Amino acid sequence: YSADTVEDEMEMATVRHRPEALELLEAQSKFTKKELQILYRGFKNECPSGVVNEETFKEIYSQFFPQGDSTTYAHFLFNAFDTDHNGSVSFEDFVMGLSILLRGTVQEKLNWAFNLYDINKDGYITKE
């Protein structure tokens, strides 16, 4: 066995998430099939397994804010994207959140932002 063979076997044993059919995502989101293909390439580049956990999400997000500590905000952002609260953000989760943020109605964007800041999900945003 070479090191490459062991790595290949380990990689194949890793659970990989395959996205839903692009046609279904196209119907559910406000992106075209071509845009979804481009988004998927970028997502797979950063998250080869097809899903991103919170720690990786924080690492990726911190690259956009190298001057300060963005981990707390990234935690809340991760939770907003992780709509089924399973501890990971799939490509579908990412696309649906991005679809709302970039192309949603004002009401959809407000609902998404409210969900982001309603930390304990009690229906209120408090000063804390």
C-alpha atoms as a PDB file:
ATOM      1  CA  TYR A   1       0.000   0.000   0.000  1.00  0.00           C
ATOM      2  CA  SER A   2       1.237   3.433  -0.853  1.00  0.00           C
ATOM      3  CA  ALA A   3       0.226   6.588   0.994  1.00  0.00           C
ATOM      4  CA  ASP A   4      -1.874   7.606  -2.023  1.00  0.00           C
ATOM      5  CA  THR A   5      -3.843   4.356  -1.949  1.00  0.00           C
ATOM      6  CA  VAL A   6      -4.614   4.782   1.753  1.00  0.00           C
ATOM      7  CA  GLU A   7      -5.696   8.388   1.149  1.00  0.00           C
ATOM      8  CA  ASP A   8      -7.917   7.305  -1.749  1.00  0.00           C
ATOM      9  CA  GLU A   9      -9.566   4.650   0.397  1.00  0.00           C
ATOM     10  CA  MET A  10     -10.083   7.100   3.253  1.00  0.00           C
ATOM     11  CA  GLU A  11     -11.561   9.658   0.882  1.00  0.00           C
ATOM     12  CA  MET A  12     -13.936   7.070  -0.594  1.00  0.00           C
ATOM     13  CA  ALA A  13     -15.024   6.080   2.933  1.00  0.00           C
ATOM     14  CA  THR A  14     -15.866   9.711   3.757  1.00  0.00           C
ATOM     15  CA  VAL A  15     -19.571  10.365   3.626  1.00  0.00           C
ATOM     16  CA  ARG A  16     -20.250  12.610   0.686  1.00  0.00           C
ATOM     17  CA  HIS A  17     -23.351  14.649   0.178  1.00  0.00           C
ATOM     18  CA  ARG A  18     -24.751  14.739  -3.338  1.00  0.00           C
ATOM     19  CA  PRO A  19     -27.009  17.717  -4.106  1.00  0.00           C
ATOM     20  CA  GLU A  20     -30.560  17.329  -5.303  1.00  0.00           C
ATOM     21  CA  ALA A  21     -31.150  17.529  -9.040  1.00  0.00           C
ATOM     22  CA  LEU A  22     -30.269  20.970 -10.334  1.00  0.00           C
ATOM     23  CA  GLU A  23     -33.713  21.209 -11.918  1.00  0.00           C
ATOM     24  CA  LEU A  24     -35.324  20.883  -8.486  1.00  0.00           C
ATOM     25  CA  LEU A  25     -32.996  23.494  -6.980  1.00  0.00           C
ATOM     26  CA  GLU A  26     -33.663  25.750  -9.951  1.00  0.00           C
ATOM     27  CA  ALA A  27     -37.416  25.478  -9.301  1.00  0.00           C
ATOM     28  CA  GLN A  28     -37.008  26.088  -5.550  1.00  0.00           C
ATOM     29  CA  SER A  29     -34.535  28.971  -5.789  1.00  0.00           C
ATOM     30  CA  LYS A  30     -34.210  32.139  -7.808  1.00  0.00           C
ATOM     31  CA  PHE A  31     -31.107  30.923  -9.663  1.00  0.00           C
ATOM     32  CA  THR A  32     -30.742  29.610 -13.193  1.00  0.00           C
ATOM     33  CA  LYS A  33     -29.248  26.185 -13.879  1.00  0.00           C
ATOM     34  CA  LYS A  34     -26.028  27.827 -15.124  1.00  0.00           C
ATOM     35  CA  GLU A  35     -25.757  29.952 -11.973  1.00  0.00           C
ATOM     36  CA  LEU A  36     -26.315  26.864  -9.817  1.00  0.00           C
ATOM     37  CA  GLN A  37     -23.537  25.020 -11.663  1.00  0.00           C
ATOM     38  CA  ILE A  38     -21.140  27.916 -10.997  1.00  0.00           C
ATOM     39  CA  LEU A  39     -22.187  28.102  -7.333  1.00  0.00           C
ATOM     40  CA  TYR A  40     -21.761  24.348  -6.973  1.00  0.00           C
ATOM     41  CA  ARG A  41     -18.234  24.449  -8.401  1.00  0.00           C
ATOM     42  CA  GLY A  42     -17.270  27.116  -5.868  1.00  0.00           C
ATOM     43  CA  PHE A  43     -18.984  25.290  -3.006  1.00  0.00           C
ATOM     44  CA  LYS A  44     -17.274  21.981  -3.859  1.00  0.00           C
ATOM     45  CA  ASN A  45     -13.942  23.775  -4.123  1.00  0.00           C
ATOM     46  CA  GLU A  46     -14.270  25.009  -0.521  1.00  0.00           C
ATOM     47  CA  CYS A  47     -16.193  21.962   0.768  1.00  0.00           C
ATOM     48  CA  PRO A  48     -15.204  18.836  -1.189  1.00  0.00           C
ATOM     49  CA  SER A  49     -17.427  16.593   0.966  1.00  0.00           C
ATOM     50  CA  GLY A  50     -20.505  18.509  -0.185  1.00  0.00           C
ATOM     51  CA  VAL A  51     -21.322  19.815   3.298  1.00  0.00           C
ATOM     52  CA  VAL A  52     -19.647  22.283   5.627  1.00  0.00           C
ATOM     53  CA  ASN A  53     -19.555  22.043   9.409  1.00  0.00           C
ATOM     54  CA  GLU A  54     -19.530  25.091  11.662  1.00  0.00           C
ATOM     55  CA  GLU A  55     -15.776  25.088  12.252  1.00  0.00           C
ATOM     56  CA  THR A  56     -14.998  25.085   8.513  1.00  0.00           C
ATOM     57  CA  PHE A  57     -17.696  27.705   7.927  1.00  0.00           C
ATOM     58  CA  LYS A  58     -16.002  29.966  10.500  1.00  0.00           C
ATOM     59  CA  GLU A  59     -12.618  29.467   8.827  1.00  0.00           C
ATOM     60  CA  ILE A  60     -14.021  30.368   5.413  1.00  0.00           C
ATOM     61  CA  TYR A  61     -15.975  33.334   6.777  1.00  0.00           C
ATOM     62  CA  SER A  62     -12.949  34.681   8.684  1.00  0.00           C
ATOM     63  CA  GLN A  63     -11.111  35.128   5.369  1.00  0.00           C
ATOM     64  CA  PHE A  64     -13.554  37.930   4.540  1.00  0.00           C
ATOM     65  CA  PHE A  65     -12.803  39.720   7.836  1.00  0.00           C
ATOM     66  CA  PRO A  66      -9.075  39.293   8.513  1.00  0.00           C
ATOM     67  CA  GLN A  67      -8.908  42.374  10.794  1.00  0.00           C
ATOM     68  CA  GLY A  68     -11.190  41.129  13.572  1.00  0.00           C
ATOM     69  CA  ASP A  69     -12.753  38.127  15.249  1.00  0.00           C
ATOM     70  CA  SER A  70     -15.817  37.098  13.260  1.00  0.00           C
ATOM     71  CA  THR A  71     -16.467  33.768  14.998  1.00  0.00           C
ATOM     72  CA  THR A  72     -19.534  34.870  17.003  1.00  0.00           C
ATOM     73  CA  TYR A  73     -21.241  36.402  13.978  1.00  0.00           C
ATOM     74  CA  ALA A  74     -20.206  33.429  11.831  1.00  0.00           C
ATOM     75  CA  HIS A  75     -21.842  31.137  14.421  1.00  0.00           C
ATOM     76  CA  PHE A  76     -25.162  32.977  14.052  1.00  0.00           C
ATOM     77  CA  LEU A  77     -24.806  33.063  10.278  1.00  0.00           C
ATOM     78  CA  PHE A  78     -24.097  29.328  10.192  1.00  0.00           C
ATOM     79  CA  ASN A  79     -27.234  28.672  12.253  1.00  0.00           C
ATOM     80  CA  ALA A  80     -29.302  30.774   9.850  1.00  0.00           C
ATOM     81  CA  PHE A  81     -28.063  28.735   6.867  1.00  0.00           C
ATOM     82  CA  ASP A  82     -28.421  25.417   8.737  1.00  0.00           C
ATOM     83  CA  THR A  83     -32.213  25.500   8.539  1.00  0.00           C
ATOM     84  CA  ASP A  84     -32.723  21.857   9.551  1.00  0.00           C
ATOM     85  CA  HIS A  85     -30.268  22.299  12.477  1.00  0.00           C
ATOM     86  CA  ASN A  86     -28.310  19.130  11.730  1.00  0.00           C
ATOM     87  CA  GLY A  87     -24.898  20.726  12.348  1.00  0.00           C
ATOM     88  CA  SER A  88     -23.938  21.125   8.697  1.00  0.00           C
ATOM     89  CA  VAL A  89     -24.758  23.334   5.740  1.00  0.00           C
ATOM     90  CA  SER A  90     -25.407  21.455   2.527  1.00  0.00           C
ATOM     91  CA  PHE A  91     -25.274  22.963  -0.931  1.00  0.00           C
ATOM     92  CA  GLU A  92     -29.092  23.101  -0.890  1.00  0.00           C
ATOM     93  CA  ASP A  93     -29.092  24.999   2.434  1.00  0.00           C
ATOM     94  CA  PHE A  94     -26.503  27.396   1.061  1.00  0.00           C
ATOM     95  CA  VAL A  95     -28.390  27.991  -2.213  1.00  0.00           C
ATOM     96  CA  MET A  96     -31.726  28.591  -0.513  1.00  0.00           C
ATOM     97  CA  GLY A  97     -30.222  31.124   1.902  1.00  0.00           C
ATOM     98  CA  LEU A  98     -28.289  32.865  -0.856  1.00  0.00           C
ATOM     99  CA  SER A  99     -31.393  32.919  -3.059  1.00  0.00           C
ATOM    100  CA  ILE A 100     -33.302  34.814  -0.373  1.00  0.00           C
ATOM    101  CA  LEU A 101     -30.433  37.179   0.430  1.00  0.00           C
ATOM    102  CA  LEU A 102     -29.683  38.055  -3.182  1.00  0.00           C
ATOM    103  CA  ARG A 103     -33.037  37.788  -4.934  1.00  0.00           C
ATOM    104  CA  GLY A 104     -35.740  37.464  -2.313  1.00  0.00           C
ATOM    105  CA  THR A 105     -38.538  39.919  -1.728  1.00  0.00           C
ATOM    106  CA  VAL A 106     -38.092  42.555   0.966  1.00  0.00           C
ATOM    107  CA  GLN A 107     -40.312  40.464   3.259  1.00  0.00           C
ATOM    108  CA  GLU A 108     -38.271  37.292   2.634  1.00  0.00           C
ATOM    109  CA  LYS A 109     -35.034  39.162   3.355  1.00  0.00           C
ATOM    110  CA  LEU A 110     -36.492  40.649   6.540  1.00  0.00           C
ATOM    111  CA  ASN A 111     -37.673  37.217   7.717  1.00  0.00           C
ATOM    112  CA  TRP A 112     -34.214  35.760   7.032  1.00  0.00           C
ATOM    113  CA  ALA A 113     -32.475  38.599   8.881  1.00  0.00           C
ATOM    114  CA  PHE A 114     -34.926  38.321  11.789  1.00  0.00           C
ATOM    115  CA  ASN A 115     -34.181  34.589  12.026  1.00  0.00           C
ATOM    116  CA  LEU A 116     -30.448  35.392  12.041  1.00  0.00           C
ATOM    117  CA  TYR A 117     -30.785  37.749  15.025  1.00  0.00           C
ATOM    118  CA  ASP A 118     -33.464  35.809  16.939  1.00  0.00           C
ATOM    119  CA  ILE A 119     -30.725  33.812  18.658  1.00  0.00           C
ATOM    120  CA  ASN A 120     -32.911  31.745  20.980  1.00  0.00           C
ATOM    121  CA  LYS A 121     -35.763  31.438  18.437  1.00  0.00           C
ATOM    122  CA  ASP A 122     -38.376  32.858  20.810  1.00  0.00           C
ATOM    123  CA  GLY A 123     -39.840  35.223  18.219  1.00  0.00           C
ATOM    124  CA  TYR A 124     -38.148  38.321  19.648  1.00  0.00           C
ATOM    125  CA  ILE A 125     -34.903  40.170  19.084  1.00  0.00           C
ATOM    126  CA  THR A 126     -33.668  41.541  22.375  1.00  0.00           C
ATOM    127  CA  LYS A 127     -30.941  44.082  23.008  1.00  0.00           C
ATOM    128  CA  GLU A 128     -28.634  41.309  24.251  1.00  0.00           C
END
